[in-house]
Amino acid sequence: MNIAARTMGAVTDLYRPRTVENPLASGNRILRMHAAFTPRRGGMLTTNVYGDPLWQGIFDATYTRPGDYLLQPGRTMFIANQLGLAEPLCVQTNRTITIARAIPPGALGSNSYGGLIVGNTAVLLKKWPASVLGVNDTGNPTAGLPSDLSVPYWTVLLPAWDTVILRPGDLLSDDLSRSAVVAAAELTDMGWRLAVKQVST
């Protein structure tokens, strides 16, 4: 795999997250190597299709593990799965996201509202590259006004972090200043798969 990567791959920086903040920070770079990526079906004979972020990685997997990020000029991948001698399964990212959780008041009557306060949140993951793609599903605002627009849903894929468990109701924002709420959170052996509902403005 290393010989193949050196022949047809590009120079790639390998990053390994150390904290819940900014996996691509300079201090997280552990290695520079060659890597190439092919569509998960068809090898070098086809191109990937729109809306499919999955790629097979061709590189020396001795030094890598699931959750690592691979950074090349123009694209960022994370390793979703790496089994034996099989080509690692990688996910191409297109957005940088932050996920937070609203904190309820510590005691009854601690604020005049008595419920959740928008500004009172705890950051769970900060500045994580992720795959954020729209799905063919929309919801409608509950107000039922003639001017209401349908609310888009996204599928978000990102690596898992040992101490962070995501759940419905968590708040997500991205580098396009969009806001969303996690509707469903599934932890798989390839990381997190989230169903996310964009917050209408």
N, C-alpha and C. Protein backbone atom coordinates (compact mmCIF):
# COMPACT_ATOMS: atom_id res chain seq x y z
N MET A 1 0.84 -1.21 0.00
CA MET A 1 0.00 0.00 0.00
C MET A 1 0.88 1.26 0.00
N ASN A 2 1.97 1.19 0.74
CA ASN A 2 2.87 2.34 0.79
C ASN A 2 3.52 2.57 -0.57
N ILE A 3 3.93 1.49 -1.25
CA ILE A 3 4.53 1.62 -2.57
C ILE A 3 3.53 2.21 -3.56
N ALA A 4 2.28 1.72 -3.51
CA ALA A 4 1.24 2.25 -4.40
C ALA A 4 0.97 3.72 -4.11
N ALA A 5 0.94 4.08 -2.85
CA ALA A 5 0.67 5.47 -2.48
C ALA A 5 1.79 6.38 -2.96
N ARG A 6 3.03 5.93 -2.83
CA ARG A 6 4.15 6.76 -3.29
C ARG A 6 4.15 6.92 -4.81
N THR A 7 3.60 5.93 -5.51
CA THR A 7 3.57 5.98 -6.97
C THR A 7 2.49 6.93 -7.48
N MET A 8 1.29 6.86 -6.89
CA MET A 8 0.17 7.62 -7.45
C MET A 8 -0.46 8.59 -6.46
N GLY A 9 0.02 8.63 -5.24
CA GLY A 9 -0.61 9.47 -4.23
C GLY A 9 0.03 10.84 -4.11
N ALA A 10 -0.51 11.62 -3.21
CA ALA A 10 -0.02 12.97 -2.94
C ALA A 10 0.50 13.04 -1.51
N VAL A 11 1.36 14.00 -1.25
CA VAL A 11 1.87 14.21 0.10
C VAL A 11 0.71 14.58 1.02
N THR A 12 0.64 13.90 2.15
CA THR A 12 -0.52 14.01 3.05
C THR A 12 -0.04 14.18 4.47
N ASP A 13 -0.67 15.09 5.19
CA ASP A 13 -0.38 15.27 6.61
C ASP A 13 -1.37 14.47 7.43
N LEU A 14 -0.86 13.69 8.39
CA LEU A 14 -1.68 12.87 9.26
C LEU A 14 -1.85 13.57 10.60
N TYR A 15 -3.11 13.79 11.00
CA TYR A 15 -3.42 14.45 12.27
C TYR A 15 -4.16 13.47 13.17
N ARG A 16 -3.82 13.48 14.44
CA ARG A 16 -4.51 12.65 15.43
C ARG A 16 -5.06 13.55 16.54
N PRO A 17 -6.38 13.65 16.67
CA PRO A 17 -6.96 14.52 17.70
C PRO A 17 -6.47 14.16 19.10
N ARG A 18 -6.16 15.18 19.88
CA ARG A 18 -5.71 14.98 21.26
C ARG A 18 -6.73 15.49 22.27
N THR A 19 -7.58 16.41 21.86
CA THR A 19 -8.62 16.95 22.73
C THR A 19 -9.89 17.09 21.90
N VAL A 20 -10.94 17.61 22.53
CA VAL A 20 -12.21 17.81 21.82
C VAL A 20 -12.20 19.06 20.96
N GLU A 21 -11.08 19.78 20.93
CA GLU A 21 -11.02 21.04 20.20
C GLU A 21 -10.02 20.98 19.05
N ASN A 22 -10.49 21.34 17.86
CA ASN A 22 -9.67 21.57 16.67
C ASN A 22 -8.69 20.43 16.38
N PRO A 23 -9.18 19.33 15.80
CA PRO A 23 -8.28 18.21 15.47
C PRO A 23 -7.15 18.57 14.52
N LEU A 24 -7.34 19.62 13.70
CA LEU A 24 -6.31 19.99 12.74
C LEU A 24 -5.35 21.05 13.27
N ALA A 25 -5.29 21.22 14.57
CA ALA A 25 -4.30 22.12 15.16
C ALA A 25 -2.90 21.60 14.85
N SER A 26 -1.96 22.51 14.70
CA SER A 26 -0.61 22.13 14.27
C SER A 26 0.03 21.11 15.21
N GLY A 27 -0.28 21.17 16.49
CA GLY A 27 0.30 20.24 17.45
C GLY A 27 -0.20 18.81 17.31
N ASN A 28 -1.27 18.62 16.52
CA ASN A 28 -1.83 17.28 16.33
C ASN A 28 -1.26 16.55 15.12
N ARG A 29 -0.41 17.23 14.34
CA ARG A 29 0.17 16.56 13.18
C ARG A 29 1.28 15.63 13.64
N ILE A 30 1.18 14.35 13.28
CA ILE A 30 2.14 13.37 13.77
C ILE A 30 3.00 12.77 12.66
N LEU A 31 2.60 12.97 11.40
CA LEU A 31 3.33 12.28 10.34
C LEU A 31 3.01 12.93 9.00
N ARG A 32 3.96 12.85 8.09
CA ARG A 32 3.73 13.23 6.69
C ARG A 32 4.02 12.01 5.84
N MET A 33 3.08 11.66 4.97
CA MET A 33 3.20 10.46 4.16
C MET A 33 2.52 10.68 2.82
N HIS A 34 2.54 9.66 1.97
CA HIS A 34 1.81 9.70 0.71
C HIS A 34 0.50 8.93 0.86
N ALA A 35 -0.54 9.43 0.20
CA ALA A 35 -1.83 8.74 0.23
C ALA A 35 -2.58 9.03 -1.06
N ALA A 36 -3.34 8.04 -1.48
CA ALA A 36 -4.23 8.19 -2.63
C ALA A 36 -5.61 7.68 -2.22
N PHE A 37 -6.63 8.11 -2.93
CA PHE A 37 -8.00 7.71 -2.60
C PHE A 37 -8.73 7.32 -3.87
N THR A 38 -9.50 6.24 -3.79
CA THR A 38 -10.30 5.78 -4.92
C THR A 38 -11.75 5.66 -4.48
N PRO A 39 -12.70 5.78 -5.41
CA PRO A 39 -14.10 5.56 -5.05
C PRO A 39 -14.29 4.17 -4.44
N ARG A 40 -15.21 4.04 -3.52
CA ARG A 40 -15.37 2.75 -2.83
C ARG A 40 -15.88 1.67 -3.76
N ARG A 41 -16.42 2.05 -4.91
CA ARG A 41 -16.82 1.06 -5.91
C ARG A 41 -16.19 1.45 -7.24
N GLY A 42 -15.52 0.51 -7.87
CA GLY A 42 -15.00 0.78 -9.21
C GLY A 42 -13.53 1.08 -9.29
N GLY A 43 -12.86 1.25 -8.16
CA GLY A 43 -11.42 1.52 -8.19
C GLY A 43 -11.08 2.74 -8.99
N MET A 44 -10.02 2.63 -9.78
CA MET A 44 -9.52 3.76 -10.55
C MET A 44 -10.30 3.99 -11.86
N LEU A 45 -11.25 3.12 -12.16
CA LEU A 45 -11.92 3.20 -13.45
C LEU A 45 -13.13 4.12 -13.44
N THR A 46 -13.55 4.57 -12.27
CA THR A 46 -14.72 5.44 -12.18
C THR A 46 -14.42 6.61 -11.26
N THR A 47 -15.28 7.60 -11.29
CA THR A 47 -15.20 8.71 -10.35
C THR A 47 -16.27 8.53 -9.28
N ASN A 48 -16.13 9.21 -8.19
CA ASN A 48 -17.14 9.14 -7.15
C ASN A 48 -18.37 9.91 -7.61
N VAL A 49 -19.51 9.62 -6.98
CA VAL A 49 -20.77 10.25 -7.37
C VAL A 49 -21.13 11.34 -6.38
N TYR A 50 -21.97 12.25 -6.82
CA TYR A 50 -22.40 13.36 -5.98
C TYR A 50 -23.12 12.84 -4.74
N GLY A 51 -22.77 13.39 -3.61
CA GLY A 51 -23.44 13.01 -2.37
C GLY A 51 -22.88 11.78 -1.69
N ASP A 52 -21.79 11.21 -2.21
CA ASP A 52 -21.17 10.04 -1.59
C ASP A 52 -19.81 10.45 -1.05
N PRO A 53 -19.66 10.59 0.27
CA PRO A 53 -18.39 11.05 0.83
C PRO A 53 -17.40 9.94 1.11
N LEU A 54 -17.73 8.68 0.78
CA LEU A 54 -16.90 7.54 1.16
C LEU A 54 -15.86 7.23 0.09
N TRP A 55 -14.62 7.02 0.52
CA TRP A 55 -13.50 6.69 -0.36
C TRP A 55 -12.68 5.57 0.27
N GLN A 56 -12.02 4.79 -0.58
CA GLN A 56 -11.05 3.81 -0.11
C GLN A 56 -9.67 4.46 -0.09
N GLY A 57 -8.97 4.32 1.01
CA GLY A 57 -7.65 4.92 1.15
C GLY A 57 -6.54 3.97 0.73
N ILE A 58 -5.56 4.50 0.05
CA ILE A 58 -4.37 3.73 -0.32
C ILE A 58 -3.18 4.44 0.33
N PHE A 59 -2.69 3.86 1.42
CA PHE A 59 -1.55 4.42 2.15
C PHE A 59 -1.06 3.38 3.14
N ASP A 60 0.07 3.62 3.75
CA ASP A 60 0.63 2.71 4.74
C ASP A 60 -0.17 2.85 6.03
N ALA A 61 -1.04 1.87 6.28
CA ALA A 61 -1.93 1.94 7.44
C ALA A 61 -1.28 1.49 8.73
N THR A 62 0.02 1.21 8.68
CA THR A 62 0.73 0.83 9.91
C THR A 62 0.70 1.94 10.94
N TYR A 63 0.69 3.18 10.46
CA TYR A 63 0.81 4.32 11.36
C TYR A 63 -0.53 5.01 11.64
N THR A 64 -1.59 4.51 11.05
CA THR A 64 -2.88 5.20 11.17
C THR A 64 -3.87 4.37 11.97
N ARG A 65 -4.97 5.02 12.37
CA ARG A 65 -6.04 4.33 13.07
C ARG A 65 -7.34 5.09 12.84
N PRO A 66 -8.49 4.45 13.06
CA PRO A 66 -9.76 5.14 12.87
C PRO A 66 -9.83 6.41 13.72
N GLY A 67 -10.37 7.47 13.12
CA GLY A 67 -10.47 8.76 13.79
C GLY A 67 -9.38 9.72 13.40
N ASP A 68 -8.30 9.23 12.77
CA ASP A 68 -7.25 10.12 12.28
C ASP A 68 -7.75 10.93 11.09
N TYR A 69 -7.18 12.12 10.94
CA TYR A 69 -7.49 12.98 9.80
C TYR A 69 -6.32 12.99 8.82
N LEU A 70 -6.63 12.98 7.54
CA LEU A 70 -5.64 13.04 6.48
C LEU A 70 -5.89 14.32 5.68
N LEU A 71 -4.90 15.18 5.65
CA LEU A 71 -5.06 16.49 5.03
C LEU A 71 -4.17 16.59 3.79
N GLN A 72 -4.80 16.82 2.64
CA GLN A 72 -4.12 17.06 1.37
C GLN A 72 -4.55 18.43 0.87
N PRO A 73 -3.79 19.02 -0.06
CA PRO A 73 -4.24 20.29 -0.65
C PRO A 73 -5.62 20.12 -1.29
N GLY A 74 -6.58 20.87 -0.79
CA GLY A 74 -7.91 20.84 -1.39
C GLY A 74 -8.89 19.86 -0.79
N ARG A 75 -8.45 18.97 0.10
CA ARG A 75 -9.42 18.07 0.72
C ARG A 75 -8.91 17.50 2.04
N THR A 76 -9.89 17.20 2.89
CA THR A 76 -9.62 16.65 4.22
C THR A 76 -10.45 15.40 4.40
N MET A 77 -9.83 14.32 4.82
CA MET A 77 -10.50 13.04 5.05
C MET A 77 -10.33 12.64 6.51
N PHE A 78 -11.24 11.80 6.99
CA PHE A 78 -10.95 11.09 8.24
C PHE A 78 -11.14 9.60 8.00
N ILE A 79 -10.38 8.81 8.76
CA ILE A 79 -10.44 7.35 8.62
C ILE A 79 -11.61 6.84 9.45
N ALA A 80 -12.58 6.21 8.76
CA ALA A 80 -13.76 5.70 9.45
C ALA A 80 -13.57 4.28 9.92
N ASN A 81 -12.87 3.48 9.13
CA ASN A 81 -12.69 2.07 9.47
C ASN A 81 -11.39 1.56 8.88
N GLN A 82 -10.76 0.65 9.60
CA GLN A 82 -9.46 0.14 9.16
C GLN A 82 -9.34 -1.29 9.68
N LEU A 83 -9.55 -2.25 8.80
CA LEU A 83 -9.58 -3.65 9.20
C LEU A 83 -8.52 -4.45 8.45
N GLY A 84 -7.61 -5.05 9.18
CA GLY A 84 -6.63 -5.95 8.60
C GLY A 84 -5.89 -5.36 7.42
N LEU A 85 -5.84 -6.13 6.33
CA LEU A 85 -5.13 -5.70 5.13
C LEU A 85 -6.05 -5.02 4.12
N ALA A 86 -7.31 -4.86 4.46
CA ALA A 86 -8.24 -4.20 3.56
C ALA A 86 -7.92 -2.71 3.46
N GLU A 87 -8.30 -2.11 2.33
CA GLU A 87 -8.09 -0.67 2.19
C GLU A 87 -8.94 0.07 3.22
N PRO A 88 -8.35 1.02 3.96
CA PRO A 88 -9.13 1.76 4.95
C PRO A 88 -10.28 2.53 4.29
N LEU A 89 -11.41 2.58 4.98
CA LEU A 89 -12.55 3.36 4.51
C LEU A 89 -12.43 4.77 5.07
N CYS A 90 -12.46 5.77 4.19
CA CYS A 90 -12.28 7.16 4.59
C CYS A 90 -13.50 7.98 4.21
N VAL A 91 -13.72 9.06 4.93
CA VAL A 91 -14.84 9.96 4.68
C VAL A 91 -14.28 11.34 4.33
N GLN A 92 -14.72 11.87 3.19
CA GLN A 92 -14.29 13.22 2.81
C GLN A 92 -15.17 14.24 3.52
N THR A 93 -14.54 15.22 4.14
CA THR A 93 -15.27 16.25 4.88
C THR A 93 -15.46 17.48 4.00
N ASN A 94 -16.51 18.23 4.31
CA ASN A 94 -16.77 19.46 3.56
C ASN A 94 -17.13 20.65 4.44
N ARG A 95 -17.28 20.42 5.73
CA ARG A 95 -17.63 21.49 6.65
C ARG A 95 -16.84 21.31 7.94
N THR A 96 -16.75 22.38 8.72
CA THR A 96 -16.18 22.33 10.06
C THR A 96 -17.29 22.66 11.04
N ILE A 97 -17.51 21.79 12.01
CA ILE A 97 -18.67 21.95 12.89
C ILE A 97 -18.25 22.06 14.35
N THR A 98 -19.14 22.65 15.12
CA THR A 98 -19.02 22.70 16.58
C THR A 98 -20.34 22.19 17.14
N ILE A 99 -20.27 21.33 18.15
CA ILE A 99 -21.46 20.78 18.78
C ILE A 99 -21.46 21.15 20.26
N ALA A 100 -22.58 21.65 20.73
CA ALA A 100 -22.72 22.08 22.12
C ALA A 100 -24.00 21.49 22.71
N ARG A 101 -24.11 21.56 24.03
CA ARG A 101 -25.29 21.06 24.71
C ARG A 101 -25.80 22.13 25.68
N ALA A 102 -27.09 22.37 25.63
CA ALA A 102 -27.69 23.34 26.54
C ALA A 102 -27.65 22.81 27.96
N ILE A 103 -27.32 23.68 28.90
CA ILE A 103 -27.22 23.31 30.31
C ILE A 103 -28.45 23.83 31.05
N PRO A 104 -29.20 22.96 31.70
CA PRO A 104 -30.35 23.44 32.47
C PRO A 104 -29.90 24.20 33.70
N PRO A 105 -30.76 25.05 34.24
CA PRO A 105 -30.38 25.80 35.45
C PRO A 105 -30.07 24.85 36.60
N GLY A 106 -29.11 25.24 37.44
CA GLY A 106 -28.67 24.38 38.52
C GLY A 106 -29.68 24.23 39.64
N ALA A 107 -30.57 25.19 39.78
CA ALA A 107 -31.55 25.11 40.86
C ALA A 107 -32.84 25.76 40.40
N LEU A 108 -33.93 25.33 40.96
CA LEU A 108 -35.23 25.91 40.61
C LEU A 108 -35.25 27.38 40.98
N GLY A 109 -35.76 28.17 40.08
CA GLY A 109 -35.88 29.59 40.35
C GLY A 109 -34.59 30.35 40.18
N SER A 110 -33.55 29.73 39.59
CA SER A 110 -32.28 30.43 39.44
C SER A 110 -32.32 31.48 38.33
N ASN A 111 -33.36 31.43 37.50
CA ASN A 111 -33.57 32.50 36.54
C ASN A 111 -35.06 32.73 36.41
N SER A 112 -35.41 33.89 35.94
CA SER A 112 -36.83 34.26 35.90
C SER A 112 -37.62 33.40 34.93
N TYR A 113 -36.94 32.85 33.92
CA TYR A 113 -37.62 32.01 32.94
C TYR A 113 -37.84 30.60 33.49
N GLY A 114 -36.84 30.06 34.17
CA GLY A 114 -36.97 28.75 34.78
C GLY A 114 -36.62 27.59 33.87
N GLY A 115 -36.28 27.86 32.59
CA GLY A 115 -35.94 26.79 31.66
C GLY A 115 -34.55 26.99 31.10
N LEU A 116 -34.32 26.45 29.90
CA LEU A 116 -33.01 26.56 29.27
C LEU A 116 -32.78 27.98 28.76
N ILE A 117 -31.53 28.41 28.86
CA ILE A 117 -31.12 29.71 28.35
C ILE A 117 -30.23 29.47 27.15
N VAL A 118 -30.51 30.17 26.05
CA VAL A 118 -29.80 29.92 24.80
C VAL A 118 -28.28 30.04 24.98
N GLY A 119 -27.84 31.07 25.72
CA GLY A 119 -26.41 31.30 25.86
C GLY A 119 -25.73 30.37 26.85
N ASN A 120 -26.49 29.57 27.56
CA ASN A 120 -25.92 28.71 28.59
C ASN A 120 -25.70 27.31 28.02
N THR A 121 -24.56 27.13 27.34
CA THR A 121 -24.26 25.86 26.69
C THR A 121 -22.85 25.41 27.02
N ALA A 122 -22.63 24.10 26.92
CA ALA A 122 -21.30 23.51 27.10
C ALA A 122 -20.86 22.94 25.76
N VAL A 123 -19.67 23.31 25.32
CA VAL A 123 -19.15 22.83 24.04
C VAL A 123 -18.68 21.39 24.20
N LEU A 124 -19.16 20.50 23.32
CA LEU A 124 -18.77 19.10 23.33
C LEU A 124 -17.62 18.82 22.35
N LEU A 125 -17.74 19.34 21.14
CA LEU A 125 -16.72 19.21 20.10
C LEU A 125 -16.59 20.56 19.40
N LYS A 126 -15.37 21.01 19.22
CA LYS A 126 -15.16 22.34 18.64
C LYS A 126 -14.27 22.26 17.40
N LYS A 127 -14.76 22.80 16.29
CA LYS A 127 -14.01 22.91 15.03
C LYS A 127 -13.57 21.54 14.51
N TRP A 128 -14.52 20.61 14.42
CA TRP A 128 -14.23 19.28 13.88
C TRP A 128 -14.64 19.21 12.42
N PRO A 129 -13.71 18.86 11.51
CA PRO A 129 -14.11 18.61 10.12
C PRO A 129 -15.07 17.43 10.05
N ALA A 130 -16.13 17.57 9.28
CA ALA A 130 -17.15 16.53 9.18
C ALA A 130 -17.76 16.56 7.79
N SER A 131 -18.41 15.47 7.44
CA SER A 131 -19.20 15.42 6.21
C SER A 131 -20.61 15.86 6.54
N VAL A 132 -21.08 16.91 5.90
CA VAL A 132 -22.42 17.44 6.13
C VAL A 132 -23.13 17.49 4.78
N LEU A 133 -24.08 16.59 4.59
CA LEU A 133 -24.79 16.50 3.31
C LEU A 133 -26.29 16.55 3.55
N GLY A 134 -27.00 17.22 2.65
CA GLY A 134 -28.45 17.28 2.72
C GLY A 134 -29.08 15.95 2.35
N VAL A 135 -30.25 15.70 2.90
CA VAL A 135 -31.00 14.49 2.58
C VAL A 135 -32.35 14.88 2.01
N ASN A 136 -33.00 13.93 1.35
CA ASN A 136 -34.30 14.21 0.73
C ASN A 136 -35.41 14.10 1.75
N ASP A 137 -35.35 14.95 2.74
CA ASP A 137 -36.36 14.96 3.78
C ASP A 137 -36.44 16.37 4.35
N THR A 138 -37.61 16.87 4.51
CA THR A 138 -37.78 18.20 5.07
C THR A 138 -38.92 18.18 6.07
N GLY A 139 -38.92 19.16 6.95
CA GLY A 139 -40.01 19.35 7.89
C GLY A 139 -40.61 20.72 7.70
N ASN A 140 -41.73 20.95 8.33
CA ASN A 140 -42.40 22.23 8.21
C ASN A 140 -42.46 22.92 9.57
N PRO A 141 -42.22 24.23 9.62
CA PRO A 141 -42.34 24.95 10.88
C PRO A 141 -43.74 24.80 11.46
N THR A 142 -43.82 24.81 12.79
CA THR A 142 -45.11 24.58 13.44
C THR A 142 -46.02 25.79 13.39
N ALA A 143 -45.49 26.96 13.04
CA ALA A 143 -46.33 28.16 13.02
C ALA A 143 -47.41 28.08 11.95
N GLY A 144 -47.11 27.41 10.83
CA GLY A 144 -48.11 27.27 9.78
C GLY A 144 -48.41 28.56 9.05
N LEU A 145 -47.45 29.45 8.94
CA LEU A 145 -47.66 30.72 8.25
C LEU A 145 -47.47 30.56 6.74
N PRO A 146 -48.15 31.38 5.94
CA PRO A 146 -47.98 31.27 4.48
C PRO A 146 -46.54 31.48 4.03
N SER A 147 -45.77 32.26 4.79
CA SER A 147 -44.40 32.55 4.40
C SER A 147 -43.40 31.50 4.88
N ASP A 148 -43.87 30.48 5.61
CA ASP A 148 -42.98 29.46 6.15
C ASP A 148 -42.31 28.68 5.03
N LEU A 149 -41.03 28.38 5.21
CA LEU A 149 -40.28 27.55 4.28
C LEU A 149 -40.02 26.19 4.92
N SER A 150 -39.86 25.16 4.10
CA SER A 150 -39.54 23.84 4.62
C SER A 150 -38.18 23.88 5.29
N VAL A 151 -38.00 23.04 6.29
CA VAL A 151 -36.77 22.99 7.07
C VAL A 151 -35.92 21.82 6.58
N PRO A 152 -34.70 22.07 6.10
CA PRO A 152 -33.87 20.98 5.58
C PRO A 152 -33.26 20.12 6.67
N TYR A 153 -33.02 18.87 6.31
CA TYR A 153 -32.32 17.93 7.18
C TYR A 153 -30.96 17.61 6.57
N TRP A 154 -29.99 17.32 7.44
CA TRP A 154 -28.65 16.93 7.00
C TRP A 154 -28.30 15.58 7.60
N THR A 155 -27.39 14.90 6.92
CA THR A 155 -26.70 13.75 7.51
C THR A 155 -25.27 14.19 7.80
N VAL A 156 -24.84 14.00 9.03
CA VAL A 156 -23.50 14.42 9.45
C VAL A 156 -22.71 13.20 9.88
N LEU A 157 -21.52 13.04 9.30
CA LEU A 157 -20.61 11.96 9.66
C LEU A 157 -19.36 12.56 10.26
N LEU A 158 -18.93 12.05 11.41
CA LEU A 158 -17.70 12.52 12.03
C LEU A 158 -17.15 11.45 12.95
N PRO A 159 -15.85 11.51 13.27
CA PRO A 159 -15.26 10.48 14.14
C PRO A 159 -15.83 10.55 15.54
N ALA A 160 -15.75 9.43 16.22
CA ALA A 160 -16.15 9.38 17.63
C ALA A 160 -14.99 9.82 18.51
N TRP A 161 -15.34 10.39 19.67
CA TRP A 161 -14.35 10.75 20.68
C TRP A 161 -14.74 10.05 21.97
N ASP A 162 -13.77 9.42 22.64
CA ASP A 162 -14.07 8.50 23.75
C ASP A 162 -14.97 9.08 24.82
N THR A 163 -14.75 10.32 25.19
CA THR A 163 -15.46 10.88 26.35
C THR A 163 -16.70 11.67 25.97
N VAL A 164 -17.07 11.71 24.70
CA VAL A 164 -18.21 12.51 24.26
C VAL A 164 -19.29 11.61 23.68
N ILE A 165 -20.46 11.66 24.26
CA ILE A 165 -21.63 10.94 23.74
C ILE A 165 -22.64 11.98 23.27
N LEU A 166 -22.90 11.98 21.98
CA LEU A 166 -23.85 12.92 21.41
C LEU A 166 -25.27 12.37 21.55
N ARG A 167 -26.25 13.27 21.60
CA ARG A 167 -27.62 12.82 21.77
C ARG A 167 -28.58 13.82 21.14
N PRO A 168 -29.82 13.39 20.88
CA PRO A 168 -30.80 14.32 20.31
C PRO A 168 -30.96 15.56 21.20
N GLY A 169 -31.10 16.70 20.53
CA GLY A 169 -31.22 17.96 21.25
C GLY A 169 -29.93 18.74 21.31
N ASP A 170 -28.79 18.10 21.02
CA ASP A 170 -27.53 18.83 20.98
C ASP A 170 -27.56 19.86 19.85
N LEU A 171 -26.82 20.93 20.03
CA LEU A 171 -26.83 22.06 19.10
C LEU A 171 -25.59 22.01 18.21
N LEU A 172 -25.79 22.23 16.92
CA LEU A 172 -24.69 22.16 15.96
C LEU A 172 -24.62 23.46 15.18
N SER A 173 -23.40 23.93 14.97
CA SER A 173 -23.17 25.09 14.09
C SER A 173 -22.00 24.76 13.19
N ASP A 174 -21.96 25.39 12.00
CA ASP A 174 -20.87 25.10 11.08
C ASP A 174 -20.18 26.37 10.63
N ASP A 175 -19.18 26.22 9.76
CA ASP A 175 -18.37 27.35 9.33
C ASP A 175 -19.10 28.26 8.35
N LEU A 176 -20.33 27.90 7.96
CA LEU A 176 -21.17 28.78 7.14
C LEU A 176 -22.16 29.57 8.00
N SER A 177 -21.97 29.50 9.31
CA SER A 177 -22.83 30.20 10.28
C SER A 177 -24.26 29.66 10.27
N ARG A 178 -24.42 28.41 9.90
CA ARG A 178 -25.73 27.77 9.98
C ARG A 178 -25.88 27.10 11.34
N SER A 179 -27.10 27.03 11.82
CA SER A 179 -27.38 26.38 13.10
C SER A 179 -28.35 25.23 12.88
N ALA A 180 -28.21 24.20 13.71
CA ALA A 180 -29.06 23.03 13.58
C ALA A 180 -29.17 22.33 14.92
N VAL A 181 -30.15 21.41 14.99
CA VAL A 181 -30.37 20.62 16.20
C VAL A 181 -30.28 19.15 15.82
N VAL A 182 -29.57 18.37 16.63
CA VAL A 182 -29.46 16.94 16.38
C VAL A 182 -30.80 16.28 16.65
N ALA A 183 -31.33 15.60 15.62
CA ALA A 183 -32.61 14.90 15.77
C ALA A 183 -32.39 13.44 16.15
N ALA A 184 -31.30 12.84 15.67
CA ALA A 184 -30.97 11.45 16.01
C ALA A 184 -29.47 11.29 15.97
N ALA A 185 -28.93 10.51 16.89
CA ALA A 185 -27.48 10.30 16.99
C ALA A 185 -27.21 8.80 17.08
N GLU A 186 -26.47 8.29 16.10
CA GLU A 186 -26.15 6.86 16.06
C GLU A 186 -24.64 6.69 16.11
N LEU A 187 -24.16 5.99 17.12
CA LEU A 187 -22.74 5.68 17.25
C LEU A 187 -22.48 4.33 16.61
N THR A 188 -21.71 4.32 15.52
CA THR A 188 -21.40 3.09 14.80
C THR A 188 -19.92 2.76 14.97
N ASP A 189 -19.51 1.62 14.39
CA ASP A 189 -18.09 1.27 14.45
C ASP A 189 -17.26 2.12 13.50
N MET A 190 -17.91 3.03 12.77
CA MET A 190 -17.21 3.95 11.88
C MET A 190 -17.33 5.40 12.35
N GLY A 191 -17.82 5.60 13.57
CA GLY A 191 -17.97 6.95 14.11
C GLY A 191 -19.44 7.33 14.24
N TRP A 192 -19.68 8.64 14.37
CA TRP A 192 -21.03 9.14 14.57
C TRP A 192 -21.73 9.37 13.24
N ARG A 193 -23.01 8.97 13.19
CA ARG A 193 -23.89 9.35 12.09
C ARG A 193 -25.07 10.09 12.70
N LEU A 194 -25.20 11.35 12.36
CA LEU A 194 -26.22 12.21 12.95
C LEU A 194 -27.26 12.59 11.91
N ALA A 195 -28.51 12.58 12.33
CA ALA A 195 -29.58 13.21 11.55
C ALA A 195 -29.84 14.56 12.20
N VAL A 196 -29.70 15.61 11.43
CA VAL A 196 -29.70 16.96 11.97
C VAL A 196 -30.75 17.82 11.25
N LYS A 197 -31.48 18.59 12.02
CA LYS A 197 -32.51 19.47 11.47
C LYS A 197 -32.03 20.91 11.56
N GLN A 198 -31.95 21.55 10.41
CA GLN A 198 -31.48 22.94 10.39
C GLN A 198 -32.49 23.85 11.07
N VAL A 199 -31.97 24.81 11.81
CA VAL A 199 -32.82 25.78 12.49
C VAL A 199 -33.19 26.87 11.49
N SER A 200 -34.47 27.09 11.28
CA SER A 200 -34.91 28.12 10.35
C SER A 200 -34.77 29.48 11.00
N THR A 201 -34.45 30.49 10.18
CA THR A 201 -34.28 31.85 10.70
C THR A 201 -35.27 32.77 10.06
